[in-house]
Protein backbone atom coordinates (compact mmCIF):
# COMPACT_ATOMS: atom_id res chain seq x y z
CA UNK A 1 53.68 136.09 63.24
CA UNK A 2 52.76 135.63 66.80
CA UNK A 3 51.86 132.07 68.39
CA UNK A 4 47.73 131.97 68.24
CA UNK A 5 45.69 130.25 70.70
CA UNK A 6 44.90 132.05 74.15
CA UNK A 7 45.27 128.94 75.67
CA UNK A 8 44.81 124.73 75.64
CA UNK A 9 43.09 123.36 72.89
CA UNK A 10 43.16 119.56 73.05
CA UNK A 11 39.87 118.53 71.54
CA UNK A 12 40.91 119.70 68.07
CA UNK A 13 39.96 122.27 66.98
CA UNK A 14 42.27 125.58 65.78
CA UNK A 15 45.27 126.61 67.03
CA UNK A 16 43.41 130.33 66.77
CA UNK A 17 40.76 128.09 68.11
CA UNK A 18 41.84 128.22 71.86
CA UNK A 19 39.46 129.98 74.41
CA UNK A 20 36.83 132.39 73.73
CA UNK A 21 33.70 133.42 71.54
CA UNK A 22 32.09 131.28 68.19
CA UNK A 23 33.32 131.59 65.62
CA UNK A 24 32.87 129.18 62.17
CA UNK A 25 35.75 127.00 62.22
CA UNK A 26 36.16 127.39 58.95
CA UNK A 27 37.31 130.10 59.37
CA UNK A 28 39.38 130.09 62.30
CA UNK A 29 41.07 127.32 60.32
CA UNK A 30 41.79 129.57 57.46
CA UNK A 31 43.14 132.52 59.49
CA UNK A 32 45.07 129.80 60.82
CA UNK A 33 46.32 128.82 57.33
CA UNK A 34 47.11 132.67 56.36
CA UNK A 35 49.69 132.35 59.12
CA UNK A 36 50.74 128.46 58.15
CA UNK A 37 51.42 129.88 54.60
CA UNK A 38 53.18 133.31 55.75
CA UNK A 39 56.00 131.56 58.19
CA UNK A 40 57.93 129.80 55.80
CA UNK A 41 59.06 133.67 53.93
CA UNK A 42 61.11 133.79 57.56
CA UNK A 43 63.89 131.36 55.45
CA UNK A 44 63.01 132.21 52.08
CA UNK A 45 62.83 135.82 52.05
CA UNK A 46 63.28 137.62 55.69
CA UNK A 47 62.71 141.03 54.47
CA UNK A 48 59.66 139.82 53.02
CA UNK A 49 58.51 138.68 55.44
CA UNK A 50 59.40 141.34 57.93
CA UNK A 51 57.31 143.63 55.63
CA UNK A 52 54.29 140.99 56.03
CA UNK A 53 54.94 141.64 59.59
CA UNK A 54 54.95 146.01 59.39
CA UNK A 55 51.42 144.87 57.09
CA UNK A 56 49.82 142.75 59.36
CA UNK A 57 50.99 144.93 62.22
CA UNK A 58 49.04 147.77 60.18
CA UNK A 59 45.95 145.87 59.69
CA UNK A 60 45.94 144.66 63.25
CA UNK A 61 45.84 148.62 64.51
CA UNK A 62 42.84 149.14 62.23
CA UNK A 63 40.63 146.46 63.19
CA UNK A 64 41.28 147.04 67.07
CA UNK A 65 39.32 150.39 65.90
CA UNK A 66 36.75 149.14 63.68
CA UNK A 67 36.29 145.45 65.43
CA UNK A 68 35.25 145.80 69.36
CA UNK A 69 33.89 142.01 69.13
CA UNK A 70 34.31 138.92 67.67
CA UNK A 71 30.87 139.56 65.22
CA UNK A 72 32.15 143.07 63.86
CA UNK A 73 35.43 140.74 63.01
CA UNK A 74 34.01 137.93 61.39
CA UNK A 75 32.59 140.74 58.86
CA UNK A 76 35.09 142.53 58.29
CA UNK A 77 37.34 139.09 57.14
CA UNK A 78 34.31 138.94 54.61
CA UNK A 79 35.66 141.29 53.09
CA UNK A 80 39.31 140.74 53.96
CA UNK A 81 41.20 140.99 50.56
CA UNK A 82 39.99 144.39 50.05
CA UNK A 83 40.29 145.23 53.62
CA UNK A 84 44.02 144.94 52.91
CA UNK A 85 44.17 146.31 49.18
CA UNK A 86 42.11 149.53 51.00
CA UNK A 87 44.34 149.77 53.86
CA UNK A 88 47.82 148.52 52.09
CA UNK A 89 48.67 150.86 49.23
CA UNK A 90 51.77 149.48 48.28
CA UNK A 91 50.17 145.38 49.49
CA UNK A 92 50.30 144.74 45.34
CA UNK A 93 53.41 145.65 44.95
CA UNK A 94 55.24 143.61 47.79
CA UNK A 95 54.28 140.66 45.77
CA UNK A 96 51.97 139.16 49.51
CA UNK A 97 48.28 137.60 48.37
CA UNK A 98 46.50 140.40 49.81
CA UNK A 99 43.79 137.92 51.41
CA UNK A 100 47.12 136.41 53.44
CA UNK A 101 47.49 139.73 55.31
CA UNK A 102 44.18 140.02 56.19
CA UNK A 103 43.52 137.04 57.85
CA UNK A 104 46.55 136.58 58.94
CA UNK A 105 46.14 140.59 61.05
CA UNK A 106 42.06 138.97 62.01
CA UNK A 107 43.76 135.86 63.79
CA UNK A 108 46.10 138.25 65.93
CA UNK A 109 42.34 140.60 66.61
CA UNK A 110 40.76 137.30 67.24
CA UNK A 111 42.95 137.14 69.60
CA UNK A 112 43.31 139.84 72.02
CA UNK A 113 39.31 139.01 72.18
CA UNK A 114 39.59 136.02 73.34
CA UNK A 115 42.13 136.90 75.24
CA UNK A 116 39.94 140.01 77.08
CA UNK A 117 36.78 137.88 77.15
CA UNK A 118 39.05 134.74 78.93
CA UNK A 119 40.21 137.16 81.18
CA UNK A 120 36.74 138.15 82.67
CA UNK A 121 35.61 135.05 82.94
CA UNK A 122 39.14 134.55 85.11
CA UNK A 123 37.25 137.66 87.49
CA UNK A 124 34.01 136.24 87.21
CA UNK A 125 35.04 133.59 89.00
CA UNK A 126 36.90 135.18 91.32
CA UNK A 127 34.03 136.68 92.18
CA UNK A 128 31.49 135.08 92.86
CA UNK A 129 34.31 132.10 94.32
CA UNK A 130 34.30 135.72 96.90
CA UNK A 131 30.42 135.92 97.64
CA UNK A 132 30.67 132.72 98.40
CA UNK A 133 33.49 132.76 101.01
CA UNK A 134 35.49 130.07 99.31
CA UNK A 135 39.50 130.84 99.28
CA UNK A 136 39.97 128.96 95.96
CA UNK A 137 38.44 128.97 92.82
CA UNK A 138 38.74 127.02 89.45
CA UNK A 139 38.90 130.03 87.10
CA UNK A 140 39.65 128.24 83.82
CA UNK A 141 39.03 124.77 82.37
CA UNK A 142 39.28 123.12 79.30
CA UNK A 143 39.52 119.46 78.70
CA UNK A 144 37.22 116.96 80.75
CA UNK A 145 39.84 115.50 84.05
CA UNK A 146 37.72 111.73 82.92
CA UNK A 147 39.06 112.42 79.18
CA UNK A 148 42.63 112.47 80.43
CA UNK A 149 45.19 111.90 79.22
CA UNK A 150 43.50 111.09 76.02
CA UNK A 151 42.35 114.37 75.74
CA UNK A 152 44.62 116.67 77.38
CA UNK A 153 42.78 118.48 80.46
CA UNK A 154 43.95 122.00 82.21
CA UNK A 155 42.15 123.84 84.67
CA UNK A 156 43.51 127.14 87.23
CA UNK A 157 42.98 127.51 90.71
CA UNK A 158 43.23 130.91 92.13
CA UNK A 159 43.31 131.60 95.76
CA UNK A 160 41.19 134.21 95.74
CA UNK A 161 42.55 137.48 98.69
CA UNK A 162 45.94 137.55 96.46
CA UNK A 163 45.33 135.71 93.01
CA UNK A 164 48.12 133.41 93.27
CA UNK A 165 47.38 130.59 91.40
CA UNK A 166 48.16 126.90 90.50
CA UNK A 167 47.96 126.18 86.63
CA UNK A 168 46.96 121.54 86.60
CA UNK A 169 47.94 119.65 83.70
CA UNK A 170 47.21 116.07 82.55
CA UNK A 171 48.97 115.23 79.18
CA UNK A 172 49.66 111.39 78.26
CA UNK A 173 53.68 109.84 79.15
CA UNK A 174 56.14 109.45 76.25
CA UNK A 175 54.35 105.42 76.11
CA UNK A 176 51.26 107.00 75.63
CA UNK A 177 49.74 104.66 78.01
CA UNK A 178 49.55 106.55 81.76
CA UNK A 179 48.63 109.89 82.66
CA UNK A 180 51.63 112.55 83.60
CA UNK A 181 50.51 114.90 85.71
CA UNK A 182 52.21 118.85 86.04
CA UNK A 183 51.60 121.52 88.22
CA UNK A 184 53.01 125.14 87.45
CA UNK A 185 53.00 127.91 89.64
CA UNK A 186 50.75 131.67 88.35
CA UNK A 187 49.36 134.05 88.96
CA UNK A 188 45.78 136.08 88.33
CA UNK A 189 46.14 139.76 88.29
CA UNK A 190 43.24 141.00 90.40
CA UNK A 191 42.60 143.93 88.19
CA UNK A 192 42.88 142.82 84.69
CA UNK A 193 42.18 139.51 84.81
CA UNK A 194 45.77 138.18 83.43
CA UNK A 195 47.22 135.01 84.07
CA UNK A 196 51.03 134.38 84.10
CA UNK A 197 52.31 131.53 84.01
CA UNK A 198 55.47 131.16 86.71
CA UNK A 199 57.79 128.70 88.21
CA UNK A 200 57.17 124.22 86.89
CA UNK A 201 56.40 123.08 90.06
CA UNK A 202 56.84 118.92 89.24
CA UNK A 203 55.88 116.65 86.71
CA UNK A 204 53.75 113.26 88.94
CA UNK A 205 53.30 109.46 87.23
CA UNK A 206 51.73 108.80 90.72
CA UNK A 207 47.59 110.37 91.54
CA UNK A 208 48.61 110.64 95.05
CA UNK A 209 51.90 112.53 94.49
CA UNK A 210 50.24 114.74 92.64
CA UNK A 211 47.44 115.09 95.48
CA UNK A 212 50.09 115.93 97.76
CA UNK A 213 52.11 118.11 95.25
CA UNK A 214 48.80 120.34 94.93
CA UNK A 215 47.81 121.16 98.24
CA UNK A 216 51.02 121.84 99.76
CA UNK A 217 51.55 124.12 96.44
CA UNK A 218 48.16 125.79 97.55
CA UNK A 219 49.26 126.33 100.68
CA UNK A 220 52.01 128.18 99.91
CA UNK A 221 55.82 127.48 100.37
CA UNK A 222 56.73 126.09 104.08
CA UNK A 223 57.66 128.88 106.48
CA UNK A 224 61.42 128.69 107.38
CA UNK A 225 62.37 127.73 110.96
CA UNK A 226 64.25 130.95 112.76
CA UNK A 227 67.84 130.75 113.16
C-alpha cells in the first residue's frame, strides 16, 4: 500500500491525517489500522498481498468516480464491507476481509483528496503573495515553531515568480534535548500546486548558521566567477 499522509503530522494525529479536510479521528484510525493489518501479508503471503493491492486499486478507482469530496468518501466508508463485496465479485473467495480492502481504498482516496486540497492552498498562497507584491511566501506550514523540537515543525517557502522553494524542518536531536534545523531544496509547480522536495541543503544546531543558510538558499546559488 502507498504511504499514508500528504505531509507531516507531528501533533499525534493518524498517519492518514497529514493535511486535509476534517475527518473523524475514529475513521482515520480505522483506515490506518486496515492498512496496518494488510501490510504483513507481504512477508507471510506475498501472492495474497498482491491480490489485495490489485483489489484496493480497483476500489480506489471506483471511489474516484463516486467521491469527488471528503463528505462523499465518508458516506462510502459507512458501507465499507458492502462496497468491496459489490465491486469485487471474487473478494470472498480470496480470503481477505472485504472491510479491510474497502478501508484501505478509502485511505488511498483520502490521501488524493488531501493532496489536491493542499496543492490548491499552495496556489492560493502564491496568488495572495503575488497580489501583495511579495517575492516569497509561506505556502505550507505544520506544527508550531515556538513548540519545536518537542512537536516537529515544518514549513515550505516558495519564490512567487518561479516556484523555487525551501523546506524548513525542526526536529529534536538524538539526545531529544536540542533542536535540529533542517533545510531542503524544493519546487512548487505553478500550474498544479504540487510540491517536489529536492536535494538537502544541510542540518544545523546553531540557529544563526541555519538563518544564514536559509538566506543563502533563498538567494540562490552563488554566481560562478568568469574563467
